[in-house]
Amino acid sequence: MHDTMTGALIVRETGRHFDVAGAHLVWKARAEETGGAFCLFEQTLSPGESVPPHRHGYTEVFYVLAGTLRFEDATGTPHHCGAGQTVIAAPEVAHSFYNDGDEPVRLLSIAPAAHQNFFDAVEAADRAAPFAAMSPAEAMMRVGKIGAATDTRFEPAPAAG
């Protein structure tokens, strides 16, 4: 990571990587760099990867950089969003997203600093006992417990049909 700092500006070429429990992100701005105002990360989802239904007490904004991502709301209604589109998930609205295409998807996520707490707790848990050594079900149960303690509550997928 190479940052150029001049006065109050930080010019960042990349960012700190986070690749834990199936989440692939690069921090573009962490809360400690924004005076606690917000965090911003780029996320990549390979074909077949997803983020399960969850909700939190704050707004989260997504901006699709490349590819097409299927977002679903609390009812399971799909919204296919391509490069250049924005999705805003209001506080306490369940949302999930899936890469059901053939190409990787890249998106930006911006949220209040509280959202970073979830990822920091997952990262700390991985250092203590790596998620890679667990079955996917065990890892998701553990992530769910971390989420419950950090205002990112995972829930069952909506019933089909």
N, C-alpha and C. Protein backbone atom coordinates (compact mmCIF):
# COMPACT_ATOMS: atom_id res chain seq x y z
N MET A 1 0.85 -1.17 0.00
CA MET A 1 0.00 0.00 0.00
C MET A 1 0.89 1.23 0.00
N HIS A 2 0.60 2.15 -0.90
CA HIS A 2 1.37 3.38 -0.98
C HIS A 2 0.42 4.56 -0.84
N ASP A 3 0.57 5.32 0.22
CA ASP A 3 -0.24 6.51 0.44
C ASP A 3 0.65 7.74 0.31
N THR A 4 0.09 8.79 -0.25
CA THR A 4 0.75 10.08 -0.27
C THR A 4 -0.05 10.98 0.66
N MET A 5 0.61 11.58 1.62
CA MET A 5 -0.09 12.43 2.58
C MET A 5 0.42 13.86 2.45
N THR A 6 -0.52 14.78 2.23
CA THR A 6 -0.19 16.20 2.18
C THR A 6 -1.24 16.94 2.97
N GLY A 7 -0.84 17.52 4.07
CA GLY A 7 -1.81 18.22 4.90
C GLY A 7 -2.92 17.28 5.32
N ALA A 8 -4.16 17.63 4.97
CA ALA A 8 -5.31 16.83 5.36
C ALA A 8 -5.74 15.84 4.29
N LEU A 9 -4.95 15.72 3.22
CA LEU A 9 -5.31 14.80 2.15
C LEU A 9 -4.51 13.51 2.22
N ILE A 10 -5.18 12.41 1.96
CA ILE A 10 -4.53 11.12 1.79
C ILE A 10 -4.88 10.66 0.38
N VAL A 11 -3.87 10.41 -0.42
CA VAL A 11 -4.10 9.89 -1.77
C VAL A 11 -3.64 8.43 -1.74
N ARG A 12 -4.58 7.54 -1.94
CA ARG A 12 -4.31 6.11 -1.77
C ARG A 12 -4.36 5.41 -3.11
N GLU A 13 -3.34 4.62 -3.37
CA GLU A 13 -3.33 3.84 -4.61
C GLU A 13 -4.13 2.55 -4.47
N THR A 14 -4.11 1.94 -3.31
CA THR A 14 -4.85 0.69 -3.12
C THR A 14 -5.52 0.72 -1.76
N GLY A 15 -5.11 -0.07 -0.82
CA GLY A 15 -5.70 -0.10 0.51
C GLY A 15 -5.36 -1.41 1.18
N ARG A 16 -5.79 -1.53 2.42
CA ARG A 16 -5.52 -2.73 3.20
C ARG A 16 -6.48 -3.85 2.79
N HIS A 17 -5.94 -5.01 2.48
CA HIS A 17 -6.75 -6.15 2.04
C HIS A 17 -7.35 -6.89 3.23
N PHE A 18 -8.55 -7.39 3.03
CA PHE A 18 -9.29 -8.20 4.00
C PHE A 18 -9.84 -9.37 3.20
N ASP A 19 -9.39 -10.56 3.51
CA ASP A 19 -9.85 -11.75 2.80
C ASP A 19 -10.09 -12.85 3.83
N VAL A 20 -11.25 -12.78 4.47
CA VAL A 20 -11.58 -13.66 5.59
C VAL A 20 -13.00 -14.18 5.43
N ALA A 21 -13.19 -15.45 5.70
CA ALA A 21 -14.52 -16.08 5.75
C ALA A 21 -15.33 -15.81 4.49
N GLY A 22 -14.67 -15.82 3.35
CA GLY A 22 -15.36 -15.64 2.08
C GLY A 22 -15.59 -14.20 1.67
N ALA A 23 -15.18 -13.24 2.48
CA ALA A 23 -15.31 -11.82 2.12
C ALA A 23 -13.98 -11.35 1.55
N HIS A 24 -14.04 -10.72 0.40
CA HIS A 24 -12.83 -10.23 -0.28
C HIS A 24 -12.97 -8.72 -0.44
N LEU A 25 -12.30 -7.96 0.42
CA LEU A 25 -12.41 -6.51 0.39
C LEU A 25 -11.05 -5.84 0.39
N VAL A 26 -11.08 -4.59 -0.03
CA VAL A 26 -9.93 -3.70 0.11
C VAL A 26 -10.46 -2.42 0.74
N TRP A 27 -9.94 -2.11 1.92
CA TRP A 27 -10.35 -0.88 2.61
C TRP A 27 -9.82 0.32 1.84
N LYS A 28 -10.71 1.20 1.41
CA LYS A 28 -10.33 2.43 0.74
C LYS A 28 -10.26 3.57 1.74
N ALA A 29 -11.12 3.54 2.75
CA ALA A 29 -11.09 4.52 3.84
C ALA A 29 -11.65 3.83 5.08
N ARG A 30 -10.86 3.84 6.14
CA ARG A 30 -11.30 3.27 7.41
C ARG A 30 -11.76 4.39 8.33
N ALA A 31 -12.58 4.03 9.30
CA ALA A 31 -13.18 5.04 10.18
C ALA A 31 -12.14 5.95 10.83
N GLU A 32 -11.01 5.38 11.21
CA GLU A 32 -9.99 6.20 11.87
C GLU A 32 -9.40 7.25 10.93
N GLU A 33 -9.61 7.08 9.62
CA GLU A 33 -9.11 8.05 8.64
C GLU A 33 -10.15 9.09 8.26
N THR A 34 -11.41 8.89 8.70
CA THR A 34 -12.49 9.80 8.34
C THR A 34 -13.06 10.51 9.57
N GLY A 35 -12.27 10.54 10.63
CA GLY A 35 -12.76 11.16 11.86
C GLY A 35 -13.95 10.42 12.43
N GLY A 36 -14.05 9.11 12.13
CA GLY A 36 -15.16 8.31 12.63
C GLY A 36 -16.45 8.50 11.87
N ALA A 37 -16.42 9.21 10.74
CA ALA A 37 -17.65 9.52 10.01
C ALA A 37 -18.17 8.34 9.19
N PHE A 38 -17.29 7.61 8.51
CA PHE A 38 -17.73 6.53 7.64
C PHE A 38 -16.56 5.62 7.33
N CYS A 39 -16.88 4.50 6.68
CA CYS A 39 -15.87 3.60 6.12
C CYS A 39 -16.26 3.30 4.69
N LEU A 40 -15.27 2.95 3.88
CA LEU A 40 -15.48 2.69 2.46
C LEU A 40 -14.59 1.54 2.05
N PHE A 41 -15.18 0.54 1.39
CA PHE A 41 -14.36 -0.57 0.90
C PHE A 41 -14.84 -1.01 -0.47
N GLU A 42 -13.90 -1.60 -1.23
CA GLU A 42 -14.21 -2.24 -2.49
C GLU A 42 -14.32 -3.73 -2.22
N GLN A 43 -15.37 -4.35 -2.73
CA GLN A 43 -15.58 -5.78 -2.53
C GLN A 43 -15.62 -6.47 -3.89
N THR A 44 -15.05 -7.64 -3.94
CA THR A 44 -15.08 -8.46 -5.15
C THR A 44 -15.81 -9.76 -4.86
N LEU A 45 -16.72 -10.12 -5.73
CA LEU A 45 -17.43 -11.40 -5.62
C LEU A 45 -17.20 -12.16 -6.93
N SER A 46 -16.63 -13.35 -6.81
CA SER A 46 -16.45 -14.22 -7.96
C SER A 46 -17.79 -14.85 -8.31
N PRO A 47 -17.92 -15.40 -9.52
CA PRO A 47 -19.17 -16.08 -9.85
C PRO A 47 -19.54 -17.11 -8.78
N GLY A 48 -20.81 -17.07 -8.37
CA GLY A 48 -21.30 -17.99 -7.35
C GLY A 48 -21.18 -17.49 -5.93
N GLU A 49 -20.42 -16.43 -5.69
CA GLU A 49 -20.27 -15.91 -4.32
C GLU A 49 -21.43 -14.98 -3.97
N SER A 50 -21.70 -14.88 -2.67
CA SER A 50 -22.83 -14.08 -2.21
C SER A 50 -22.59 -13.56 -0.80
N VAL A 51 -23.44 -12.62 -0.42
CA VAL A 51 -23.52 -12.17 0.97
C VAL A 51 -24.95 -12.47 1.40
N PRO A 52 -25.13 -13.31 2.44
CA PRO A 52 -26.48 -13.74 2.82
C PRO A 52 -27.32 -12.60 3.39
N PRO A 53 -28.64 -12.81 3.47
CA PRO A 53 -29.53 -11.77 4.00
C PRO A 53 -29.09 -11.32 5.40
N HIS A 54 -29.04 -10.01 5.56
CA HIS A 54 -28.67 -9.42 6.85
C HIS A 54 -29.27 -8.03 6.93
N ARG A 55 -29.24 -7.49 8.13
CA ARG A 55 -29.71 -6.12 8.36
C ARG A 55 -28.86 -5.49 9.44
N HIS A 56 -28.86 -4.18 9.47
CA HIS A 56 -28.16 -3.43 10.52
C HIS A 56 -28.88 -2.12 10.74
N GLY A 57 -28.53 -1.44 11.80
CA GLY A 57 -29.26 -0.24 12.22
C GLY A 57 -28.82 1.03 11.51
N TYR A 58 -28.19 0.95 10.37
CA TYR A 58 -27.71 2.13 9.65
C TYR A 58 -27.83 1.89 8.15
N THR A 59 -27.79 2.96 7.41
CA THR A 59 -27.85 2.89 5.95
C THR A 59 -26.51 2.42 5.40
N GLU A 60 -26.58 1.59 4.35
CA GLU A 60 -25.39 1.18 3.62
C GLU A 60 -25.65 1.46 2.14
N VAL A 61 -24.64 2.01 1.47
CA VAL A 61 -24.76 2.35 0.05
C VAL A 61 -23.76 1.50 -0.73
N PHE A 62 -24.23 0.96 -1.85
CA PHE A 62 -23.40 0.15 -2.74
C PHE A 62 -23.36 0.82 -4.11
N TYR A 63 -22.19 0.81 -4.73
CA TYR A 63 -22.03 1.32 -6.09
C TYR A 63 -21.32 0.24 -6.90
N VAL A 64 -21.97 -0.26 -7.94
CA VAL A 64 -21.41 -1.35 -8.73
C VAL A 64 -20.37 -0.76 -9.71
N LEU A 65 -19.15 -1.26 -9.59
CA LEU A 65 -18.05 -0.81 -10.44
C LEU A 65 -17.94 -1.63 -11.72
N ALA A 66 -18.13 -2.94 -11.62
CA ALA A 66 -17.98 -3.83 -12.77
C ALA A 66 -18.82 -5.08 -12.57
N GLY A 67 -19.39 -5.58 -13.65
CA GLY A 67 -20.20 -6.78 -13.60
C GLY A 67 -21.64 -6.48 -13.26
N THR A 68 -22.42 -7.52 -13.05
CA THR A 68 -23.83 -7.39 -12.68
C THR A 68 -24.07 -8.21 -11.42
N LEU A 69 -24.70 -7.59 -10.45
CA LEU A 69 -24.93 -8.22 -9.16
C LEU A 69 -26.43 -8.28 -8.91
N ARG A 70 -26.90 -9.39 -8.38
CA ARG A 70 -28.31 -9.52 -8.03
C ARG A 70 -28.48 -9.17 -6.55
N PHE A 71 -29.12 -8.04 -6.29
CA PHE A 71 -29.47 -7.65 -4.92
C PHE A 71 -30.87 -8.16 -4.65
N GLU A 72 -31.13 -8.57 -3.41
CA GLU A 72 -32.48 -8.95 -3.02
C GLU A 72 -32.88 -8.18 -1.78
N ASP A 73 -34.16 -7.77 -1.75
CA ASP A 73 -34.68 -7.06 -0.59
C ASP A 73 -35.26 -8.09 0.39
N ALA A 74 -35.93 -7.59 1.41
CA ALA A 74 -36.45 -8.46 2.47
C ALA A 74 -37.46 -9.48 1.97
N THR A 75 -38.13 -9.21 0.85
CA THR A 75 -39.11 -10.14 0.31
C THR A 75 -38.49 -11.14 -0.65
N GLY A 76 -37.20 -10.97 -0.96
CA GLY A 76 -36.54 -11.84 -1.91
C GLY A 76 -36.66 -11.35 -3.35
N THR A 77 -37.25 -10.16 -3.53
CA THR A 77 -37.38 -9.60 -4.88
C THR A 77 -36.01 -9.26 -5.43
N PRO A 78 -35.67 -9.80 -6.62
CA PRO A 78 -34.35 -9.55 -7.19
C PRO A 78 -34.27 -8.21 -7.92
N HIS A 79 -33.13 -7.59 -7.84
CA HIS A 79 -32.83 -6.35 -8.55
C HIS A 79 -31.45 -6.55 -9.17
N HIS A 80 -31.38 -6.72 -10.49
CA HIS A 80 -30.10 -6.92 -11.16
C HIS A 80 -29.48 -5.55 -11.43
N CYS A 81 -28.31 -5.32 -10.86
CA CYS A 81 -27.67 -4.01 -10.93
C CYS A 81 -26.31 -4.14 -11.59
N GLY A 82 -26.07 -3.31 -12.59
CA GLY A 82 -24.82 -3.35 -13.33
C GLY A 82 -23.94 -2.16 -13.02
N ALA A 83 -22.79 -2.14 -13.67
CA ALA A 83 -21.81 -1.08 -13.47
C ALA A 83 -22.48 0.29 -13.60
N GLY A 84 -22.19 1.14 -12.63
CA GLY A 84 -22.73 2.50 -12.62
C GLY A 84 -24.01 2.65 -11.82
N GLN A 85 -24.58 1.55 -11.35
CA GLN A 85 -25.82 1.65 -10.57
C GLN A 85 -25.52 1.67 -9.08
N THR A 86 -26.40 2.33 -8.35
CA THR A 86 -26.29 2.50 -6.90
C THR A 86 -27.46 1.81 -6.23
N VAL A 87 -27.19 1.16 -5.09
CA VAL A 87 -28.23 0.54 -4.27
C VAL A 87 -28.08 1.13 -2.87
N ILE A 88 -29.19 1.56 -2.30
CA ILE A 88 -29.19 2.10 -0.94
C ILE A 88 -30.05 1.19 -0.07
N ALA A 89 -29.45 0.60 0.94
CA ALA A 89 -30.17 -0.24 1.90
C ALA A 89 -30.42 0.61 3.14
N ALA A 90 -31.68 0.91 3.40
CA ALA A 90 -32.06 1.72 4.56
C ALA A 90 -31.82 0.95 5.86
N PRO A 91 -31.77 1.67 6.98
CA PRO A 91 -31.58 0.99 8.26
C PRO A 91 -32.66 -0.07 8.49
N GLU A 92 -32.25 -1.21 9.02
CA GLU A 92 -33.12 -2.33 9.39
C GLU A 92 -33.84 -2.99 8.22
N VAL A 93 -33.40 -2.71 6.98
CA VAL A 93 -33.96 -3.38 5.82
C VAL A 93 -33.04 -4.54 5.46
N ALA A 94 -33.60 -5.75 5.47
CA ALA A 94 -32.80 -6.92 5.12
C ALA A 94 -32.40 -6.82 3.65
N HIS A 95 -31.16 -7.18 3.37
CA HIS A 95 -30.65 -7.16 2.00
C HIS A 95 -29.58 -8.23 1.85
N SER A 96 -29.45 -8.71 0.63
CA SER A 96 -28.43 -9.70 0.31
C SER A 96 -28.03 -9.46 -1.13
N PHE A 97 -26.90 -10.02 -1.52
CA PHE A 97 -26.50 -9.89 -2.92
C PHE A 97 -25.70 -11.10 -3.35
N TYR A 98 -25.80 -11.37 -4.67
CA TYR A 98 -25.28 -12.60 -5.26
C TYR A 98 -24.66 -12.29 -6.61
N ASN A 99 -23.54 -12.92 -6.90
CA ASN A 99 -23.00 -12.87 -8.24
C ASN A 99 -23.46 -14.15 -8.94
N ASP A 100 -24.55 -14.05 -9.68
CA ASP A 100 -25.05 -15.22 -10.39
C ASP A 100 -24.64 -15.18 -11.87
N GLY A 101 -23.64 -14.35 -12.17
CA GLY A 101 -23.13 -14.26 -13.54
C GLY A 101 -21.86 -15.07 -13.73
N ASP A 102 -21.22 -14.84 -14.87
CA ASP A 102 -20.02 -15.59 -15.24
C ASP A 102 -18.73 -14.81 -15.01
N GLU A 103 -18.83 -13.54 -14.64
CA GLU A 103 -17.66 -12.67 -14.47
C GLU A 103 -17.60 -12.17 -13.03
N PRO A 104 -16.40 -11.85 -12.53
CA PRO A 104 -16.31 -11.24 -11.20
C PRO A 104 -17.07 -9.90 -11.15
N VAL A 105 -17.58 -9.58 -9.98
CA VAL A 105 -18.26 -8.31 -9.75
C VAL A 105 -17.43 -7.51 -8.75
N ARG A 106 -17.30 -6.21 -9.02
CA ARG A 106 -16.63 -5.31 -8.08
C ARG A 106 -17.62 -4.22 -7.70
N LEU A 107 -17.69 -3.92 -6.40
CA LEU A 107 -18.57 -2.85 -5.93
C LEU A 107 -17.91 -2.11 -4.78
N LEU A 108 -18.35 -0.88 -4.59
CA LEU A 108 -17.95 -0.09 -3.44
C LEU A 108 -19.07 -0.13 -2.43
N SER A 109 -18.72 -0.14 -1.16
CA SER A 109 -19.69 -0.05 -0.07
C SER A 109 -19.26 1.09 0.83
N ILE A 110 -20.20 1.97 1.14
CA ILE A 110 -19.94 3.05 2.08
C ILE A 110 -21.01 2.98 3.16
N ALA A 111 -20.56 3.10 4.41
CA ALA A 111 -21.48 2.99 5.55
C ALA A 111 -20.89 3.77 6.72
N PRO A 112 -21.69 4.01 7.74
CA PRO A 112 -21.14 4.63 8.95
C PRO A 112 -20.01 3.78 9.52
N ALA A 113 -19.20 4.41 10.32
CA ALA A 113 -18.03 3.75 10.91
C ALA A 113 -18.41 2.47 11.65
N ALA A 114 -19.62 2.39 12.17
CA ALA A 114 -20.05 1.20 12.91
C ALA A 114 -19.95 -0.07 12.07
N HIS A 115 -20.09 0.05 10.76
CA HIS A 115 -20.02 -1.14 9.90
C HIS A 115 -18.63 -1.78 9.95
N GLN A 116 -17.63 -0.95 10.10
CA GLN A 116 -16.25 -1.45 10.19
C GLN A 116 -16.06 -2.35 11.40
N ASN A 117 -16.82 -2.08 12.48
CA ASN A 117 -16.69 -2.89 13.70
C ASN A 117 -16.92 -4.37 13.42
N PHE A 118 -17.90 -4.68 12.57
CA PHE A 118 -18.18 -6.06 12.22
C PHE A 118 -16.97 -6.71 11.56
N PHE A 119 -16.42 -6.06 10.54
CA PHE A 119 -15.28 -6.63 9.82
C PHE A 119 -14.04 -6.73 10.71
N ASP A 120 -13.82 -5.74 11.56
CA ASP A 120 -12.68 -5.82 12.47
C ASP A 120 -12.82 -6.99 13.44
N ALA A 121 -14.05 -7.24 13.93
CA ALA A 121 -14.28 -8.36 14.85
C ALA A 121 -14.10 -9.70 14.14
N VAL A 122 -14.54 -9.80 12.88
CA VAL A 122 -14.34 -11.03 12.11
C VAL A 122 -12.84 -11.26 11.89
N GLU A 123 -12.13 -10.21 11.56
CA GLU A 123 -10.68 -10.33 11.34
C GLU A 123 -9.97 -10.79 12.62
N ALA A 124 -10.36 -10.23 13.76
CA ALA A 124 -9.74 -10.63 15.04
C ALA A 124 -10.07 -12.09 15.36
N ALA A 125 -11.30 -12.51 15.09
CA ALA A 125 -11.68 -13.90 15.35
C ALA A 125 -10.89 -14.85 14.45
N ASP A 126 -10.64 -14.44 13.22
CA ASP A 126 -9.86 -15.28 12.30
C ASP A 126 -8.42 -15.43 12.78
N ARG A 127 -7.86 -14.38 13.33
CA ARG A 127 -6.50 -14.47 13.86
C ARG A 127 -6.45 -15.44 15.04
N ALA A 128 -7.50 -15.43 15.86
CA ALA A 128 -7.55 -16.30 17.04
C ALA A 128 -7.77 -17.77 16.66
N ALA A 129 -8.62 -18.01 15.68
CA ALA A 129 -8.93 -19.38 15.22
C ALA A 129 -9.41 -19.26 13.78
N PRO A 130 -8.55 -19.57 12.82
CA PRO A 130 -8.86 -19.32 11.41
C PRO A 130 -10.15 -19.98 10.92
N PHE A 131 -10.94 -19.20 10.20
CA PHE A 131 -12.18 -19.69 9.61
C PHE A 131 -11.89 -20.79 8.58
N ALA A 132 -10.74 -20.72 7.91
CA ALA A 132 -10.40 -21.70 6.88
C ALA A 132 -10.35 -23.13 7.42
N ALA A 133 -10.16 -23.28 8.73
CA ALA A 133 -10.10 -24.61 9.33
C ALA A 133 -11.49 -25.16 9.68
N MET A 134 -12.55 -24.39 9.39
CA MET A 134 -13.92 -24.79 9.76
C MET A 134 -14.72 -25.16 8.53
N SER A 135 -15.79 -25.89 8.75
CA SER A 135 -16.74 -26.15 7.67
C SER A 135 -17.45 -24.84 7.36
N PRO A 136 -18.02 -24.69 6.15
CA PRO A 136 -18.76 -23.47 5.84
C PRO A 136 -19.89 -23.19 6.83
N ALA A 137 -20.58 -24.23 7.29
CA ALA A 137 -21.68 -24.04 8.24
C ALA A 137 -21.15 -23.51 9.58
N GLU A 138 -20.03 -24.10 10.06
CA GLU A 138 -19.43 -23.62 11.32
C GLU A 138 -18.97 -22.18 11.18
N ALA A 139 -18.34 -21.86 10.06
CA ALA A 139 -17.84 -20.50 9.84
C ALA A 139 -19.00 -19.50 9.83
N MET A 140 -20.09 -19.84 9.14
CA MET A 140 -21.23 -18.92 9.07
C MET A 140 -21.88 -18.76 10.43
N MET A 141 -21.94 -19.84 11.23
CA MET A 141 -22.50 -19.71 12.58
C MET A 141 -21.65 -18.74 13.41
N ARG A 142 -20.35 -18.87 13.28
CA ARG A 142 -19.44 -18.00 14.03
C ARG A 142 -19.56 -16.55 13.55
N VAL A 143 -19.64 -16.34 12.23
CA VAL A 143 -19.82 -15.00 11.69
C VAL A 143 -21.15 -14.42 12.17
N GLY A 144 -22.18 -15.25 12.22
CA GLY A 144 -23.48 -14.80 12.70
C GLY A 144 -23.43 -14.32 14.14
N LYS A 145 -22.70 -15.02 14.99
CA LYS A 145 -22.56 -14.60 16.39
C LYS A 145 -21.81 -13.28 16.49
N ILE A 146 -20.76 -13.12 15.67
CA ILE A 146 -20.02 -11.85 15.65
C ILE A 146 -20.93 -10.74 15.17
N GLY A 147 -21.70 -11.02 14.13
CA GLY A 147 -22.63 -10.03 13.60
C GLY A 147 -23.66 -9.60 14.63
N ALA A 148 -24.20 -10.56 15.38
CA ALA A 148 -25.21 -10.23 16.40
C ALA A 148 -24.64 -9.29 17.45
N ALA A 149 -23.35 -9.40 17.71
CA ALA A 149 -22.71 -8.54 18.71
C ALA A 149 -22.26 -7.19 18.14
N THR A 150 -22.31 -7.05 16.81
CA THR A 150 -21.80 -5.82 16.17
C THR A 150 -22.81 -5.20 15.21
N ASP A 151 -24.10 -5.42 15.44
CA ASP A 151 -25.19 -4.81 14.67
C ASP A 151 -25.19 -5.19 13.19
N THR A 152 -24.81 -6.44 12.89
CA THR A 152 -24.98 -6.99 11.54
C THR A 152 -25.63 -8.35 11.74
N ARG A 153 -26.96 -8.34 11.67
CA ARG A 153 -27.73 -9.54 12.02
C ARG A 153 -28.11 -10.31 10.76
N PHE A 154 -27.61 -11.54 10.67
CA PHE A 154 -27.92 -12.41 9.53
C PHE A 154 -29.24 -13.11 9.79
N GLU A 155 -29.96 -13.39 8.71
CA GLU A 155 -31.25 -14.04 8.86
C GLU A 155 -31.45 -15.07 7.75
N PRO A 156 -32.45 -15.91 7.91
CA PRO A 156 -32.68 -16.94 6.89
C PRO A 156 -33.06 -16.29 5.56
N ALA A 157 -32.72 -16.96 4.48
CA ALA A 157 -33.12 -16.48 3.15
C ALA A 157 -34.64 -16.54 3.05
N PRO A 158 -35.25 -15.61 2.29
CA PRO A 158 -36.72 -15.66 2.13
C PRO A 158 -37.14 -16.97 1.46
N ALA A 159 -38.33 -17.44 1.80
CA ALA A 159 -38.84 -18.66 1.20
C ALA A 159 -39.12 -18.43 -0.28
N ALA A 160 -38.77 -19.39 -1.09
CA ALA A 160 -38.98 -19.27 -2.54
C ALA A 160 -40.47 -19.40 -2.85
N GLY A 161 -40.88 -18.65 -3.90
CA GLY A 161 -42.21 -18.81 -4.45
C GLY A 161 -43.28 -18.18 -3.70
